[in-house]
């Protein structure tokens, strides 16, 4: 029982660390050096590179949040199945 409890705590701590890492990474990606790199007078398929950079970053951040929500739901579902058994 204590091992399961310790494992749950470790999983939550790792998840919190990952949230913090992705939050910091997201903030770094919208700061000056990266914006300067992608703010060029070049277009790809008729769209400016900066626009593509923002849209791709937005889509990737939504996907990462989706993955995090999947990891949050799994322990709760496992607990419910154990209680029913």
C-alpha atoms as a PDB file:
ATOM      1  CA  UNK A   1       0.000   0.000   0.000  1.00  0.00           C
ATOM      2  CA  UNK A   2       2.775   2.435   0.907  1.00  0.00           C
ATOM      3  CA  UNK A   3       4.630   1.584  -2.281  1.00  0.00           C
ATOM      4  CA  UNK A   4       1.589   2.437  -4.372  1.00  0.00           C
ATOM      5  CA  UNK A   5       1.157   5.698  -2.481  1.00  0.00           C
ATOM      6  CA  UNK A   6       4.833   6.592  -2.960  1.00  0.00           C
ATOM      7  CA  UNK A   7       4.605   5.740  -6.665  1.00  0.00           C
ATOM      8  CA  UNK A   8       1.572   8.006  -7.091  1.00  0.00           C
ATOM      9  CA  UNK A   9       3.389  10.866  -5.393  1.00  0.00           C
ATOM     10  CA  UNK A  10       6.453  10.385  -7.609  1.00  0.00           C
ATOM     11  CA  UNK A  11       4.276  10.329 -10.736  1.00  0.00           C
ATOM     12  CA  UNK A  12       2.553  13.564  -9.673  1.00  0.00           C
ATOM     13  CA  UNK A  13       5.878  15.254  -8.942  1.00  0.00           C
ATOM     14  CA  UNK A  14       7.254  14.264 -12.335  1.00  0.00           C
ATOM     15  CA  UNK A  15       4.098  15.561 -13.967  1.00  0.00           C
ATOM     16  CA  UNK A  16       4.438  18.904 -12.135  1.00  0.00           C
ATOM     17  CA  UNK A  17       8.047  19.187 -13.243  1.00  0.00           C
ATOM     18  CA  UNK A  18       7.012  18.532 -16.833  1.00  0.00           C
ATOM     19  CA  UNK A  19       4.310  21.242 -16.589  1.00  0.00           C
ATOM     20  CA  UNK A  20       6.888  23.724 -15.331  1.00  0.00           C
ATOM     21  CA  UNK A  21       9.380  22.777 -18.048  1.00  0.00           C
ATOM     22  CA  UNK A  22       6.812  23.198 -20.826  1.00  0.00           C
ATOM     23  CA  UNK A  23       5.572  26.482 -19.332  1.00  0.00           C
ATOM     24  CA  UNK A  24       9.102  27.898 -19.284  1.00  0.00           C
ATOM     25  CA  UNK A  25       9.767  26.563 -22.778  1.00  0.00           C
ATOM     26  CA  UNK A  26       6.584  28.232 -24.050  1.00  0.00           C
ATOM     27  CA  UNK A  27       7.623  31.549 -22.550  1.00  0.00           C
ATOM     28  CA  UNK A  28      11.092  31.296 -24.053  1.00  0.00           C
ATOM     29  CA  UNK A  29       9.650  30.508 -27.472  1.00  0.00           C
ATOM     30  CA  UNK A  30       7.668  33.784 -27.567  1.00  0.00           C
ATOM     31  CA  UNK A  31      10.543  36.029 -26.485  1.00  0.00           C
ATOM     32  CA  UNK A  32      12.837  38.226 -28.539  1.00  0.00           C
ATOM     33  CA  UNK A  33      15.488  35.877 -29.946  1.00  0.00           C
ATOM     34  CA  UNK A  34      12.992  33.418 -31.416  1.00  0.00           C
ATOM     35  CA  UNK A  35      10.661  36.110 -32.700  1.00  0.00           C
ATOM     36  CA  UNK A  36      13.618  37.821 -34.370  1.00  0.00           C
ATOM     37  CA  UNK A  37      14.628  34.566 -36.076  1.00  0.00           C
ATOM     38  CA  UNK A  38      11.165  33.906 -37.516  1.00  0.00           C
ATOM     39  CA  UNK A  39      10.234  37.507 -38.334  1.00  0.00           C
ATOM     40  CA  UNK A  40      11.672  37.431 -41.849  1.00  0.00           C
ATOM     41  CA  UNK A  41      10.253  38.818 -45.096  1.00  0.00           C
ATOM     42  CA  UNK A  42       9.924  35.253 -46.408  1.00  0.00           C
ATOM     43  CA  UNK A  43       6.678  33.424 -46.995  1.00  0.00           C
ATOM     44  CA  UNK A  44       5.938  29.711 -47.137  1.00  0.00           C
ATOM     45  CA  UNK A  45       2.907  28.773 -49.238  1.00  0.00           C
ATOM     46  CA  UNK A  46       1.893  32.425 -49.129  1.00  0.00           C
ATOM     47  CA  UNK A  47       2.014  32.749 -45.316  1.00  0.00           C
ATOM     48  CA  UNK A  48       4.664  34.664 -43.393  1.00  0.00           C
ATOM     49  CA  UNK A  49       7.102  32.472 -41.461  1.00  0.00           C
ATOM     50  CA  UNK A  50       6.205  34.191 -38.162  1.00  0.00           C
ATOM     51  CA  UNK A  51       2.525  33.304 -38.658  1.00  0.00           C
ATOM     52  CA  UNK A  52       3.420  29.653 -39.310  1.00  0.00           C
ATOM     53  CA  UNK A  53       5.680  29.671 -36.231  1.00  0.00           C
ATOM     54  CA  UNK A  54       2.850  30.932 -34.001  1.00  0.00           C
ATOM     55  CA  UNK A  55       0.258  28.549 -35.436  1.00  0.00           C
ATOM     56  CA  UNK A  56       2.565  25.531 -35.134  1.00  0.00           C
ATOM     57  CA  UNK A  57       3.499  26.486 -31.567  1.00  0.00           C
ATOM     58  CA  UNK A  58      -0.167  26.900 -30.688  1.00  0.00           C
ATOM     59  CA  UNK A  59      -1.076  23.487 -32.118  1.00  0.00           C
ATOM     60  CA  UNK A  60       1.852  21.785 -30.390  1.00  0.00           C
ATOM     61  CA  UNK A  61       0.981  23.381 -27.043  1.00  0.00           C
ATOM     62  CA  UNK A  62      -2.616  22.141 -27.326  1.00  0.00           C
ATOM     63  CA  UNK A  63      -1.337  18.648 -28.104  1.00  0.00           C
ATOM     64  CA  UNK A  64       0.994  18.716 -25.071  1.00  0.00           C
ATOM     65  CA  UNK A  65      -1.853  19.802 -22.785  1.00  0.00           C
ATOM     66  CA  UNK A  66      -3.957  16.974 -24.229  1.00  0.00           C
ATOM     67  CA  UNK A  67      -1.202  14.467 -23.412  1.00  0.00           C
ATOM     68  CA  UNK A  68      -0.994  15.822 -19.867  1.00  0.00           C
ATOM     69  CA  UNK A  69      -4.734  15.431 -19.389  1.00  0.00           C
ATOM     70  CA  UNK A  70      -4.488  11.813 -20.521  1.00  0.00           C
ATOM     71  CA  UNK A  71      -1.895  11.118 -17.837  1.00  0.00           C
ATOM     72  CA  UNK A  72      -4.091  12.751 -15.211  1.00  0.00           C
ATOM     73  CA  UNK A  73      -7.127  10.604 -16.055  1.00  0.00           C
ATOM     74  CA  UNK A  74      -5.356   7.242 -15.972  1.00  0.00           C
ATOM     75  CA  UNK A  75      -4.602   7.038 -12.209  1.00  0.00           C
ATOM     76  CA  UNK A  76      -8.175   7.997 -11.341  1.00  0.00           C
ATOM     77  CA  UNK A  77      -9.598   5.348 -13.680  1.00  0.00           C
ATOM     78  CA  UNK A  78      -7.269   2.731 -12.198  1.00  0.00           C
ATOM     79  CA  UNK A  79      -8.382   3.628  -8.659  1.00  0.00           C
ATOM     80  CA  UNK A  80     -12.040   3.285  -9.613  1.00  0.00           C
ATOM     81  CA  UNK A  81     -11.435  -0.136 -11.141  1.00  0.00           C
ATOM     82  CA  UNK A  82      -9.604  -1.295  -7.998  1.00  0.00           C
ATOM     83  CA  UNK A  83     -12.468  -0.108  -5.780  1.00  0.00           C
ATOM     84  CA  UNK A  84     -15.057  -1.953  -7.871  1.00  0.00           C
ATOM     85  CA  UNK A  85     -13.115  -5.231  -7.754  1.00  0.00           C
END
